[in-house]
Amino acid sequence: MILLDHLAAWQKVNISAFLTGGLMHRFPEMAGEAYRDGNDNYYLAMIREPVFVYGADVETMRRTFERARSRGIPFSIYTRPLFATSNDADNRASVAATPTAELELVGLGLHGDRKLVDKIVNGLKFLV
């Protein structure tokens, strides 16, 4: 995950959840198995691997976006106008109405070969 570093905490958490959902849809193998406690109560599966969250300013976010696009890796995006929508249809309509160069990116979700992802996120620092 790459998140705009100057967002409110609730926005960062919200974006992370949305982007993770997009990645899980595209890469179902990311899901682990269901959990079961000692009393045989079952719980939903979680992602089976760690999620690294990086911070970026506007310029770095755009550069990272372009790196991902140029390498053909599938990824999820979250744009600033999505904070004002309340459903998936409006989210998709907002993105569809915006030319690529004008997307106001606040989050990216990437999953792929480690070497490829490392090249895309090269120079980014973990979000604190």
Protein backbone atom coordinates (compact mmCIF):
# COMPACT_ATOMS: atom_id res chain seq x y z
CA MET A 1 0.00 0.00 0.00
CA ILE A 2 1.13 3.52 -0.72
CA LEU A 3 -0.84 6.24 1.06
CA LEU A 4 -0.64 9.99 0.87
CA ASP A 5 1.25 10.82 4.05
CA HIS A 6 -0.69 13.89 5.20
CA LEU A 7 -4.16 12.32 5.45
CA ALA A 8 -6.15 11.97 8.66
CA ALA A 9 -5.73 8.66 10.48
CA TRP A 10 -9.31 7.54 9.70
CA GLN A 11 -8.69 8.22 5.99
CA LYS A 12 -5.53 6.12 5.95
CA VAL A 13 -7.29 3.20 7.62
CA ASN A 14 -10.31 3.52 5.31
CA ILE A 15 -8.17 3.65 2.16
CA SER A 16 -6.16 0.63 3.30
CA ALA A 17 -9.33 -1.39 3.75
CA PHE A 18 -10.67 -0.46 0.32
CA LEU A 19 -7.38 -1.11 -1.47
CA THR A 20 -6.93 -4.46 0.28
CA GLY A 21 -10.41 -5.47 -0.86
CA GLY A 22 -9.45 -4.68 -4.44
CA LEU A 23 -6.28 -6.73 -4.18
CA MET A 24 -8.09 -9.69 -2.61
CA HIS A 25 -10.62 -9.66 -5.45
CA ARG A 26 -7.88 -9.73 -8.11
CA PHE A 27 -5.55 -12.09 -6.21
CA PRO A 28 -7.74 -14.56 -4.25
CA GLU A 29 -4.63 -16.58 -3.44
CA MET A 30 -3.76 -13.81 -0.96
CA ALA A 31 -6.44 -15.18 1.37
CA GLY A 32 -5.40 -17.58 4.05
CA GLU A 33 -7.60 -20.23 5.56
CA ALA A 34 -10.38 -19.71 8.08
CA TYR A 35 -9.43 -19.56 11.76
CA ARG A 36 -10.78 -21.86 14.44
CA ASP A 37 -10.39 -21.39 18.16
CA GLY A 38 -10.06 -24.05 20.83
CA ASN A 39 -13.85 -24.32 21.19
CA ASP A 40 -14.41 -24.95 17.46
CA ASN A 41 -15.71 -21.45 16.76
CA TYR A 42 -14.81 -20.43 13.21
CA TYR A 43 -13.67 -17.00 12.01
CA LEU A 44 -13.09 -15.55 8.57
CA ALA A 45 -9.75 -15.91 6.85
CA MET A 46 -7.31 -13.01 6.71
CA ILE A 47 -4.60 -12.11 4.25
CA ARG A 48 -1.89 -14.73 4.56
CA GLU A 49 1.06 -12.41 4.06
CA PRO A 50 2.22 -9.10 5.56
CA VAL A 51 1.03 -5.81 4.14
CA PHE A 52 3.63 -3.06 3.92
CA VAL A 53 2.30 0.50 4.03
CA TYR A 54 4.41 3.29 2.61
CA GLY A 55 3.87 7.04 2.80
CA ALA A 56 4.22 9.42 -0.11
CA ASP A 57 3.70 13.06 -0.96
CA VAL A 58 1.63 14.04 -4.01
CA GLU A 59 4.58 14.01 -6.41
CA THR A 60 5.89 10.67 -5.16
CA MET A 61 2.40 9.17 -5.33
CA ARG A 62 2.10 10.17 -9.00
CA ARG A 63 5.59 8.81 -9.76
CA THR A 64 4.75 5.50 -8.08
CA PHE A 65 1.45 5.33 -9.99
CA GLU A 66 3.29 5.85 -13.28
CA ARG A 67 5.91 3.24 -12.37
CA ALA A 68 3.17 0.68 -11.70
CA ARG A 69 1.33 1.56 -14.93
CA SER A 70 4.49 1.38 -17.05
CA ARG A 71 5.28 -2.08 -15.70
CA GLY A 72 1.79 -3.42 -16.40
CA ILE A 73 1.16 -4.56 -12.85
CA PRO A 74 -2.53 -4.64 -11.86
CA PHE A 75 -3.22 -2.32 -8.91
CA SER A 76 -6.02 -0.62 -7.06
CA ILE A 77 -6.40 3.13 -6.63
CA TYR A 78 -8.19 5.45 -4.24
CA THR A 79 -8.77 9.07 -5.21
CA ARG A 80 -9.62 12.05 -3.02
CA PRO A 81 -13.19 12.48 -4.42
CA LEU A 82 -14.07 9.00 -3.11
CA PHE A 83 -14.17 10.44 0.42
CA ALA A 84 -17.38 12.21 -0.63
CA THR A 85 -19.15 9.18 -2.13
CA SER A 86 -21.03 6.54 -0.24
CA ASN A 87 -21.22 3.53 -2.55
CA ASP A 88 -19.27 1.54 -5.11
CA ALA A 89 -21.27 2.74 -8.12
CA ASP A 90 -20.54 6.39 -7.29
CA ASN A 91 -16.88 5.55 -6.63
CA ARG A 92 -16.51 3.95 -10.04
CA ALA A 93 -18.40 6.80 -11.75
CA SER A 94 -16.11 9.35 -10.11
CA VAL A 95 -12.98 7.60 -11.35
CA ALA A 96 -14.48 7.00 -14.81
CA ALA A 97 -15.24 10.73 -15.19
CA THR A 98 -11.62 11.71 -14.46
CA PRO A 99 -8.83 11.57 -17.06
CA THR A 100 -5.80 9.56 -15.90
CA ALA A 101 -3.56 12.64 -15.66
CA GLU A 102 -6.11 14.35 -13.39
CA LEU A 103 -6.69 11.52 -10.91
CA GLU A 104 -6.14 12.98 -7.43
CA LEU A 105 -4.44 9.90 -6.01
CA VAL A 106 -4.39 9.34 -2.26
CA GLY A 107 -3.75 5.57 -2.23
CA LEU A 108 -2.39 2.71 -4.31
CA GLY A 109 -2.54 -1.02 -3.62
CA LEU A 110 0.03 -3.26 -5.29
CA HIS A 111 0.62 -7.00 -5.28
CA GLY A 112 3.00 -8.94 -7.45
CA ASP A 113 6.43 -10.39 -7.84
CA ARG A 114 8.56 -9.00 -5.03
CA LYS A 115 11.34 -7.78 -7.33
CA LEU A 116 8.84 -5.92 -9.50
CA VAL A 117 7.02 -4.34 -6.55
CA ASP A 118 10.37 -3.38 -4.99
CA LYS A 119 11.26 -1.48 -8.17
CA ILE A 120 7.93 0.34 -8.09
CA VAL A 121 8.20 1.37 -4.42
CA ASN A 122 11.93 2.05 -4.57
CA GLY A 123 12.81 5.06 -2.40
CA LEU A 124 9.56 5.07 -0.41
CA LYS A 125 9.61 4.98 3.40
CA PHE A 126 7.22 3.11 5.65
CA LEU A 127 4.26 5.19 6.77
CA VAL A 128 4.55 6.29 10.38
